[in-house]
Amino acid sequence: MNKNSNTYIITYASVMVVIVAAVLSFASLSLKNIQAENVRIEKMGDILRSIGEGGDADKAPNKAAYINEQYKKYIVDSYAVNVEGDKVEGADAFALLTNLKAEYDKPAAERELPVFVSKNDEGSVSYVIPVWGAGLWGPVWGYVALADNWDTVEGIVFDHKSETPGLGAEIATPAHQALYKGKTLFEKGDFVSITLRKGGAKDPAHEVDAVTGGTKTSDGVTAMLRDNLSEYLPFFEKARTAASAAGAEESNDQKVESNE
């Protein structure tokens, strides 16, 4: 065959395309499980970091095994709630993290909102709420750990897909995330969320400094926290009511015991 002929060139190119496509397809299928496992470990690690645990993952001889162990130790429950604040039977909270944006794209009545329950070594319980939003160049997301009053932030972890290094990408740094610890979501019973304020926080209870040079990213994080956390307000209210009722019942039981 004439190697300079059009027929040869077209045939050769076609064969190479098929071979390359087959190799890439094989590689993709071969790595799919590994990639999925890496994503799973990353999400578990972020949830742990939001509650102040799992900090030695990068030093561990086997990072995946370490995170799995820590997750099983500190995350004691997980479930999903609907926008009315009721638990959704049979929902897999962790599986919902795979595409949280799709959940928020559903009609409100169909949404399943994940909740992760943690308990530290002292027995204190906190609740981790995943959030999802948009930055300047792409999606941003995170995990908000709330104390058992469903108000005080105990920790936050943020990440992003493509924010500008040194600017918007600063939301993913420990220094920025540390600003949220101790902030509160409510003011005299009203939900106010947390705002990233350009020029510096003025309200120490509900504001943090916006990222310098990252106004659009900061605005995106503000909207993400406000919009996502507001979806959980019925759940927070029902959880508070249940906790208050349980506390009152325990107090009455103690009075009965003391009288006996």
C-alpha atoms as a PDB file:
ATOM      1  CA  MET A   1       0.000   0.000   0.000  1.00  0.00           C
ATOM      2  CA  ASN A   2       1.234   3.476  -0.844  1.00  0.00           C
ATOM      3  CA  LYS A   3       1.945   5.098   2.504  1.00  0.00           C
ATOM      4  CA  ASN A   4       1.601   8.513   0.936  1.00  0.00           C
ATOM      5  CA  SER A   5      -1.887   7.853  -0.419  1.00  0.00           C
ATOM      6  CA  ASN A   6      -4.985   9.413   1.112  1.00  0.00           C
ATOM      7  CA  THR A   7      -6.479   5.978   1.705  1.00  0.00           C
ATOM      8  CA  TYR A   8      -3.503   4.857   3.772  1.00  0.00           C
ATOM      9  CA  ILE A   9      -3.428   8.084   5.805  1.00  0.00           C
ATOM     10  CA  ILE A  10      -7.153   7.934   6.553  1.00  0.00           C
ATOM     11  CA  THR A  11      -7.024   4.230   7.447  1.00  0.00           C
ATOM     12  CA  TYR A  12      -3.968   4.705   9.660  1.00  0.00           C
ATOM     13  CA  ALA A  13      -5.523   7.688  11.451  1.00  0.00           C
ATOM     14  CA  SER A  14      -8.786   5.815  11.982  1.00  0.00           C
ATOM     15  CA  VAL A  15      -7.012   2.798  13.467  1.00  0.00           C
ATOM     16  CA  MET A  16      -4.964   5.022  15.804  1.00  0.00           C
ATOM     17  CA  VAL A  17      -8.095   6.836  16.952  1.00  0.00           C
ATOM     18  CA  VAL A  18      -9.793   3.537  17.765  1.00  0.00           C
ATOM     19  CA  ILE A  19      -6.720   2.249  19.627  1.00  0.00           C
ATOM     20  CA  VAL A  20      -6.274   5.448  21.647  1.00  0.00           C
ATOM     21  CA  ALA A  21      -9.998   5.557  22.483  1.00  0.00           C
ATOM     22  CA  ALA A  22      -9.884   1.948  23.642  1.00  0.00           C
ATOM     23  CA  VAL A  23      -6.826   2.598  25.830  1.00  0.00           C
ATOM     24  CA  LEU A  24      -8.385   5.713  27.376  1.00  0.00           C
ATOM     25  CA  SER A  25     -11.667   3.910  27.979  1.00  0.00           C
ATOM     26  CA  PHE A  26      -9.855   0.994  29.641  1.00  0.00           C
ATOM     27  CA  ALA A  27      -7.832   3.391  31.814  1.00  0.00           C
ATOM     28  CA  SER A  28     -10.974   5.280  32.815  1.00  0.00           C
ATOM     29  CA  LEU A  29     -12.818   2.124  33.801  1.00  0.00           C
ATOM     30  CA  SER A  30      -9.767   0.775  35.634  1.00  0.00           C
ATOM     31  CA  LEU A  31      -9.367   3.966  37.660  1.00  0.00           C
ATOM     32  CA  LYS A  32     -13.068   4.592  38.296  1.00  0.00           C
ATOM     33  CA  ASN A  33     -13.206   2.676  41.575  1.00  0.00           C
ATOM     34  CA  ILE A  34      -9.953   4.223  42.784  1.00  0.00           C
ATOM     35  CA  GLN A  35     -11.190   7.727  41.968  1.00  0.00           C
ATOM     36  CA  ALA A  36     -14.515   7.093  43.686  1.00  0.00           C
ATOM     37  CA  GLU A  37     -12.723   5.848  46.799  1.00  0.00           C
ATOM     38  CA  ASN A  38     -10.469   8.921  46.829  1.00  0.00           C
ATOM     39  CA  VAL A  39     -13.518  11.192  46.634  1.00  0.00           C
ATOM     40  CA  ARG A  40     -15.177   9.266  49.471  1.00  0.00           C
ATOM     41  CA  ILE A  41     -12.106   9.590  51.671  1.00  0.00           C
ATOM     42  CA  GLU A  42     -11.811  13.299  50.877  1.00  0.00           C
ATOM     43  CA  LYS A  43     -15.422  13.949  51.910  1.00  0.00           C
ATOM     44  CA  MET A  44     -15.015  11.956  55.111  1.00  0.00           C
ATOM     45  CA  GLY A  45     -11.834  13.874  55.875  1.00  0.00           C
ATOM     46  CA  ASP A  46     -13.580  17.223  55.353  1.00  0.00           C
ATOM     47  CA  ILE A  47     -16.422  16.241  57.680  1.00  0.00           C
ATOM     48  CA  LEU A  48     -13.885  15.242  60.317  1.00  0.00           C
ATOM     49  CA  ARG A  49     -11.930  18.478  59.953  1.00  0.00           C
ATOM     50  CA  SER A  50     -15.104  20.513  60.439  1.00  0.00           C
ATOM     51  CA  ILE A  51     -15.396  19.028  63.952  1.00  0.00           C
ATOM     52  CA  GLY A  52     -11.681  19.407  64.661  1.00  0.00           C
ATOM     53  CA  GLU A  53     -10.741  15.759  64.160  1.00  0.00           C
ATOM     54  CA  GLY A  54      -8.698  13.827  61.615  1.00  0.00           C
ATOM     55  CA  GLY A  55      -5.892  16.368  61.672  1.00  0.00           C
ATOM     56  CA  ASP A  56      -3.126  13.768  61.494  1.00  0.00           C
ATOM     57  CA  ALA A  57      -4.368  12.190  58.254  1.00  0.00           C
ATOM     58  CA  ASP A  58      -1.423  13.399  56.183  1.00  0.00           C
ATOM     59  CA  LYS A  59       1.026  11.978  58.733  1.00  0.00           C
ATOM     60  CA  ALA A  60      -0.622   8.573  58.949  1.00  0.00           C
ATOM     61  CA  PRO A  61       1.122   5.612  57.249  1.00  0.00           C
ATOM     62  CA  ASN A  62      -2.202   4.777  55.581  1.00  0.00           C
ATOM     63  CA  LYS A  63      -4.291   7.920  55.148  1.00  0.00           C
ATOM     64  CA  ALA A  64      -7.432   6.133  53.953  1.00  0.00           C
ATOM     65  CA  ALA A  65      -7.386   3.662  56.846  1.00  0.00           C
ATOM     66  CA  TYR A  66      -6.810   6.477  59.341  1.00  0.00           C
ATOM     67  CA  ILE A  67      -9.724   8.560  58.036  1.00  0.00           C
ATOM     68  CA  ASN A  68     -12.021   5.540  57.947  1.00  0.00           C
ATOM     69  CA  GLU A  69     -11.143   4.744  61.561  1.00  0.00           C
ATOM     70  CA  GLN A  70     -11.607   8.336  62.731  1.00  0.00           C
ATOM     71  CA  TYR A  71     -14.886   8.673  60.862  1.00  0.00           C
ATOM     72  CA  LYS A  72     -16.312   5.533  62.468  1.00  0.00           C
ATOM     73  CA  LYS A  73     -15.172   6.787  65.867  1.00  0.00           C
ATOM     74  CA  TYR A  74     -16.531  10.336  65.750  1.00  0.00           C
ATOM     75  CA  ILE A  75     -19.472  10.270  63.320  1.00  0.00           C
ATOM     76  CA  VAL A  76     -22.076   8.407  65.308  1.00  0.00           C
ATOM     77  CA  ASP A  77     -25.094   8.908  63.053  1.00  0.00           C
ATOM     78  CA  SER A  78     -26.203  10.351  59.733  1.00  0.00           C
ATOM     79  CA  TYR A  79     -29.561  10.885  58.095  1.00  0.00           C
ATOM     80  CA  ALA A  80     -31.416  13.212  55.753  1.00  0.00           C
ATOM     81  CA  VAL A  81     -34.268  15.588  56.514  1.00  0.00           C
ATOM     82  CA  ASN A  82     -36.834  17.220  54.267  1.00  0.00           C
ATOM     83  CA  VAL A  83     -37.625  20.937  54.116  1.00  0.00           C
ATOM     84  CA  GLU A  84     -40.277  20.434  56.796  1.00  0.00           C
ATOM     85  CA  GLY A  85     -37.613  19.230  59.219  1.00  0.00           C
ATOM     86  CA  ASP A  86     -38.634  15.585  59.325  1.00  0.00           C
ATOM     87  CA  LYS A  87     -36.265  12.675  58.823  1.00  0.00           C
ATOM     88  CA  VAL A  88     -36.487  10.923  55.458  1.00  0.00           C
ATOM     89  CA  GLU A  89     -36.776   7.193  55.953  1.00  0.00           C
ATOM     90  CA  GLY A  90     -34.179   5.132  54.083  1.00  0.00           C
ATOM     91  CA  ALA A  91     -32.162   8.119  52.856  1.00  0.00           C
ATOM     92  CA  ASP A  92     -28.374   7.719  52.580  1.00  0.00           C
ATOM     93  CA  ALA A  93     -26.875  10.980  53.816  1.00  0.00           C
ATOM     94  CA  PHE A  94     -23.370  10.260  52.555  1.00  0.00           C
ATOM     95  CA  ALA A  95     -24.572   9.228  49.099  1.00  0.00           C
ATOM     96  CA  LEU A  96     -26.336  12.591  48.798  1.00  0.00           C
ATOM     97  CA  LEU A  97     -22.959  14.331  49.003  1.00  0.00           C
ATOM     98  CA  THR A  98     -22.065  12.927  45.577  1.00  0.00           C
ATOM     99  CA  ASN A  99     -24.240  15.543  43.903  1.00  0.00           C
ATOM    100  CA  LEU A 100     -25.560  17.974  46.477  1.00  0.00           C
ATOM    101  CA  LYS A 101     -26.242  20.601  43.821  1.00  0.00           C
ATOM    102  CA  ALA A 102     -28.730  18.257  42.146  1.00  0.00           C
ATOM    103  CA  GLU A 103     -30.582  17.989  45.444  1.00  0.00           C
ATOM    104  CA  TYR A 104     -30.979  21.771  45.666  1.00  0.00           C
ATOM    105  CA  ASP A 105     -32.087  21.885  42.033  1.00  0.00           C
ATOM    106  CA  LYS A 106     -35.105  19.732  42.908  1.00  0.00           C
ATOM    107  CA  PRO A 107     -38.439  21.252  43.926  1.00  0.00           C
ATOM    108  CA  ALA A 108     -38.317  22.089  47.634  1.00  0.00           C
ATOM    109  CA  ALA A 109     -40.769  19.352  48.584  1.00  0.00           C
ATOM    110  CA  GLU A 110     -38.507  16.677  47.056  1.00  0.00           C
ATOM    111  CA  ARG A 111     -35.199  17.688  48.624  1.00  0.00           C
ATOM    112  CA  GLU A 112     -33.313  15.403  50.986  1.00  0.00           C
ATOM    113  CA  LEU A 113     -30.852  17.360  53.138  1.00  0.00           C
ATOM    114  CA  PRO A 114     -27.961  15.465  54.790  1.00  0.00           C
ATOM    115  CA  VAL A 115     -27.105  15.726  58.482  1.00  0.00           C
ATOM    116  CA  PHE A 116     -24.077  14.130  60.167  1.00  0.00           C
ATOM    117  CA  VAL A 117     -23.979  13.686  63.938  1.00  0.00           C
ATOM    118  CA  SER A 118     -20.660  13.648  65.773  1.00  0.00           C
ATOM    119  CA  LYS A 119     -19.628  13.012  69.356  1.00  0.00           C
ATOM    120  CA  ASN A 120     -16.184  13.959  70.627  1.00  0.00           C
ATOM    121  CA  ASP A 121     -14.085  12.281  73.302  1.00  0.00           C
ATOM    122  CA  GLU A 122     -15.786  14.367  76.027  1.00  0.00           C
ATOM    123  CA  GLY A 123     -19.235  13.280  74.858  1.00  0.00           C
ATOM    124  CA  SER A 124     -20.254  16.617  73.322  1.00  0.00           C
ATOM    125  CA  VAL A 125     -22.529  16.277  70.305  1.00  0.00           C
ATOM    126  CA  SER A 126     -22.404  18.449  67.204  1.00  0.00           C
ATOM    127  CA  TYR A 127     -24.161  18.420  63.841  1.00  0.00           C
ATOM    128  CA  VAL A 128     -22.411  18.767  60.488  1.00  0.00           C
ATOM    129  CA  ILE A 129     -24.371  20.401  57.675  1.00  0.00           C
ATOM    130  CA  PRO A 130     -22.984  20.237  54.113  1.00  0.00           C
ATOM    131  CA  VAL A 131     -23.365  23.366  51.948  1.00  0.00           C
ATOM    132  CA  TRP A 132     -22.992  23.985  48.217  1.00  0.00           C
ATOM    133  CA  GLY A 133     -22.803  27.197  46.198  1.00  0.00           C
ATOM    134  CA  ALA A 134     -21.092  29.177  43.448  1.00  0.00           C
ATOM    135  CA  GLY A 135     -17.890  31.188  43.603  1.00  0.00           C
ATOM    136  CA  LEU A 136     -16.401  33.421  40.912  1.00  0.00           C
ATOM    137  CA  TRP A 137     -15.182  30.691  38.556  1.00  0.00           C
ATOM    138  CA  GLY A 138     -17.025  27.588  39.647  1.00  0.00           C
ATOM    139  CA  PRO A 139     -18.647  25.694  42.503  1.00  0.00           C
ATOM    140  CA  VAL A 140     -17.688  26.125  46.141  1.00  0.00           C
ATOM    141  CA  TRP A 141     -18.778  23.827  48.946  1.00  0.00           C
ATOM    142  CA  GLY A 142     -18.188  23.068  52.593  1.00  0.00           C
ATOM    143  CA  TYR A 143     -19.250  21.552  55.895  1.00  0.00           C
ATOM    144  CA  VAL A 144     -20.584  23.553  58.838  1.00  0.00           C
ATOM    145  CA  ALA A 145     -20.332  21.970  62.296  1.00  0.00           C
ATOM    146  CA  LEU A 146     -22.924  23.320  64.736  1.00  0.00           C
ATOM    147  CA  ALA A 147     -23.103  22.854  68.486  1.00  0.00           C
ATOM    148  CA  ASP A 148     -26.118  21.034  69.887  1.00  0.00           C
ATOM    149  CA  ASN A 149     -27.925  24.377  70.247  1.00  0.00           C
ATOM    150  CA  TRP A 150     -28.075  24.415  66.407  1.00  0.00           C
ATOM    151  CA  ASP A 151     -26.753  27.962  66.498  1.00  0.00           C
ATOM    152  CA  THR A 152     -23.055  28.193  67.393  1.00  0.00           C
ATOM    153  CA  VAL A 153     -20.478  27.282  64.757  1.00  0.00           C
ATOM    154  CA  GLU A 154     -17.881  24.870  66.088  1.00  0.00           C
ATOM    155  CA  GLY A 155     -15.953  24.585  62.845  1.00  0.00           C
ATOM    156  CA  ILE A 156     -16.135  25.073  59.091  1.00  0.00           C
ATOM    157  CA  VAL A 157     -14.357  23.556  56.114  1.00  0.00           C
ATOM    158  CA  PHE A 158     -14.598  25.089  52.641  1.00  0.00           C
ATOM    159  CA  ASP A 159     -13.271  23.946  49.291  1.00  0.00           C
ATOM    160  CA  HIS A 160     -13.619  25.023  45.676  1.00  0.00           C
ATOM    161  CA  LYS A 161     -13.104  23.866  42.134  1.00  0.00           C
ATOM    162  CA  SER A 162     -11.368  26.793  40.436  1.00  0.00           C
ATOM    163  CA  GLU A 163     -11.166  29.964  42.543  1.00  0.00           C
ATOM    164  CA  THR A 164      -8.142  32.217  42.008  1.00  0.00           C
ATOM    165  CA  PRO A 165      -5.030  31.192  44.011  1.00  0.00           C
ATOM    166  CA  GLY A 166      -4.122  33.809  46.602  1.00  0.00           C
ATOM    167  CA  LEU A 167      -7.518  35.475  46.248  1.00  0.00           C
ATOM    168  CA  GLY A 168     -10.826  33.581  46.277  1.00  0.00           C
ATOM    169  CA  ALA A 169      -9.037  30.292  46.909  1.00  0.00           C
ATOM    170  CA  GLU A 170      -8.189  31.580  50.388  1.00  0.00           C
ATOM    171  CA  ILE A 171     -11.574  30.308  51.578  1.00  0.00           C
ATOM    172  CA  ALA A 172      -9.976  26.849  51.692  1.00  0.00           C
ATOM    173  CA  THR A 173      -7.170  27.881  54.049  1.00  0.00           C
ATOM    174  CA  PRO A 174      -7.164  27.069  57.787  1.00  0.00           C
ATOM    175  CA  ALA A 175      -6.595  30.756  58.578  1.00  0.00           C
ATOM    176  CA  HIS A 176      -9.822  31.829  56.899  1.00  0.00           C
ATOM    177  CA  GLN A 177     -11.862  28.909  58.179  1.00  0.00           C
ATOM    178  CA  ALA A 178     -10.773  29.622  61.759  1.00  0.00           C
ATOM    179  CA  LEU A 179     -12.630  32.963  61.587  1.00  0.00           C
ATOM    180  CA  TYR A 180     -16.000  31.196  61.782  1.00  0.00           C
ATOM    181  CA  LYS A 181     -15.518  29.335  65.043  1.00  0.00           C
ATOM    182  CA  GLY A 182     -17.858  30.724  67.692  1.00  0.00           C
ATOM    183  CA  LYS A 183     -20.040  32.676  65.250  1.00  0.00           C
ATOM    184  CA  THR A 184     -23.786  32.245  65.596  1.00  0.00           C
ATOM    185  CA  LEU A 185     -26.595  31.882  63.072  1.00  0.00           C
ATOM    186  CA  PHE A 186     -29.398  33.486  65.087  1.00  0.00           C
ATOM    187  CA  GLU A 187     -29.996  36.890  66.634  1.00  0.00           C
ATOM    188  CA  LYS A 188     -32.768  36.966  69.264  1.00  0.00           C
ATOM    189  CA  GLY A 189     -34.355  33.935  67.654  1.00  0.00           C
ATOM    190  CA  ASP A 190     -34.177  35.242  64.087  1.00  0.00           C
ATOM    191  CA  PHE A 191     -31.987  33.544  61.490  1.00  0.00           C
ATOM    192  CA  VAL A 192     -29.304  35.938  60.224  1.00  0.00           C
ATOM    193  CA  SER A 193     -26.630  33.460  59.027  1.00  0.00           C
ATOM    194  CA  ILE A 194     -22.993  34.542  58.673  1.00  0.00           C
ATOM    195  CA  THR A 195     -21.806  37.274  56.307  1.00  0.00           C
ATOM    196  CA  LEU A 196     -18.366  37.768  54.774  1.00  0.00           C
ATOM    197  CA  ARG A 197     -18.055  41.565  54.904  1.00  0.00           C
ATOM    198  CA  LYS A 198     -15.765  43.495  52.590  1.00  0.00           C
ATOM    199  CA  GLY A 199     -13.661  45.963  54.560  1.00  0.00           C
ATOM    200  CA  GLY A 200     -13.772  43.911  57.744  1.00  0.00           C
ATOM    201  CA  ALA A 201     -16.370  42.364  60.029  1.00  0.00           C
ATOM    202  CA  LYS A 202     -18.414  44.843  62.057  1.00  0.00           C
ATOM    203  CA  ASP A 203     -20.721  42.402  63.813  1.00  0.00           C
ATOM    204  CA  PRO A 204     -18.522  40.027  65.845  1.00  0.00           C
ATOM    205  CA  ALA A 205     -21.309  37.497  66.311  1.00  0.00           C
ATOM    206  CA  HIS A 206     -22.425  37.076  62.700  1.00  0.00           C
ATOM    207  CA  GLU A 207     -19.705  38.413  60.384  1.00  0.00           C
ATOM    208  CA  VAL A 208     -16.182  37.518  59.290  1.00  0.00           C
ATOM    209  CA  ASP A 209     -13.703  39.417  57.145  1.00  0.00           C
ATOM    210  CA  ALA A 210     -14.233  38.880  53.434  1.00  0.00           C
ATOM    211  CA  VAL A 211     -11.314  37.449  51.465  1.00  0.00           C
ATOM    212  CA  THR A 212      -9.034  40.250  50.284  1.00  0.00           C
ATOM    213  CA  GLY A 213      -9.321  40.552  46.517  1.00  0.00           C
ATOM    214  CA  GLY A 214     -11.962  37.827  46.448  1.00  0.00           C
ATOM    215  CA  THR A 215     -15.198  39.810  46.630  1.00  0.00           C
ATOM    216  CA  LYS A 216     -17.177  37.593  44.260  1.00  0.00           C
ATOM    217  CA  THR A 217     -16.051  34.430  46.022  1.00  0.00           C
ATOM    218  CA  SER A 218     -16.874  35.968  49.414  1.00  0.00           C
ATOM    219  CA  ASP A 219     -20.328  36.958  48.190  1.00  0.00           C
ATOM    220  CA  GLY A 220     -20.804  33.404  46.907  1.00  0.00           C
ATOM    221  CA  VAL A 221     -19.892  31.925  50.290  1.00  0.00           C
ATOM    222  CA  THR A 222     -22.245  34.356  52.060  1.00  0.00           C
ATOM    223  CA  ALA A 223     -25.098  33.327  49.747  1.00  0.00           C
ATOM    224  CA  MET A 224     -24.210  29.642  50.116  1.00  0.00           C
ATOM    225  CA  LEU A 225     -24.374  29.773  53.916  1.00  0.00           C
ATOM    226  CA  ARG A 226     -27.571  31.804  53.965  1.00  0.00           C
ATOM    227  CA  ASP A 227     -29.438  29.818  51.320  1.00  0.00           C
ATOM    228  CA  ASN A 228     -28.355  26.317  52.347  1.00  0.00           C
ATOM    229  CA  LEU A 229     -28.642  26.706  56.115  1.00  0.00           C
ATOM    230  CA  SER A 230     -32.055  28.346  55.818  1.00  0.00           C
ATOM    231  CA  GLU A 231     -33.315  25.080  54.316  1.00  0.00           C
ATOM    232  CA  TYR A 232     -32.630  23.409  57.671  1.00  0.00           C
ATOM    233  CA  LEU A 233     -34.523  25.920  59.831  1.00  0.00           C
ATOM    234  CA  PRO A 234     -37.584  23.664  60.335  1.00  0.00           C
ATOM    235  CA  PHE A 235     -35.230  20.845  61.365  1.00  0.00           C
ATOM    236  CA  PHE A 236     -33.379  23.095  63.817  1.00  0.00           C
ATOM    237  CA  GLU A 237     -36.678  24.203  65.359  1.00  0.00           C
ATOM    238  CA  LYS A 238     -38.012  20.660  65.754  1.00  0.00           C
ATOM    239  CA  ALA A 239     -34.683  19.475  67.155  1.00  0.00           C
ATOM    240  CA  ARG A 240     -34.693  22.276  69.743  1.00  0.00           C
ATOM    241  CA  THR A 241     -38.267  21.496  70.727  1.00  0.00           C
ATOM    242  CA  ALA A 242     -37.471  17.803  71.129  1.00  0.00           C
ATOM    243  CA  ALA A 243     -34.344  18.577  73.172  1.00  0.00           C
ATOM    244  CA  SER A 244     -36.300  20.960  75.400  1.00  0.00           C
ATOM    245  CA  ALA A 245     -39.015  18.364  75.977  1.00  0.00           C
ATOM    246  CA  ALA A 246     -36.436  15.700  76.789  1.00  0.00           C
ATOM    247  CA  GLY A 247     -34.721  18.059  79.222  1.00  0.00           C
ATOM    248  CA  ALA A 248     -37.991  18.866  80.960  1.00  0.00           C
ATOM    249  CA  GLU A 249     -38.848  15.176  81.259  1.00  0.00           C
ATOM    250  CA  GLU A 250     -35.430  14.396  82.719  1.00  0.00           C
ATOM    251  CA  SER A 251     -35.823  17.237  85.222  1.00  0.00           C
ATOM    252  CA  ASN A 252     -39.225  15.919  86.319  1.00  0.00           C
ATOM    253  CA  ASP A 253     -37.804  12.415  86.718  1.00  0.00           C
ATOM    254  CA  GLN A 254     -35.057  13.771  88.941  1.00  0.00           C
ATOM    255  CA  LYS A 255     -37.597  15.622  91.104  1.00  0.00           C
ATOM    256  CA  VAL A 256     -39.640  12.446  91.497  1.00  0.00           C
ATOM    257  CA  GLU A 257     -36.548  10.492  92.504  1.00  0.00           C
ATOM    258  CA  SER A 258     -35.519  13.128  95.041  1.00  0.00           C
ATOM    259  CA  ASN A 259     -38.997  13.141  96.583  1.00  0.00           C
ATOM    260  CA  GLU A 260     -38.888   9.372  96.956  1.00  0.00           C
END
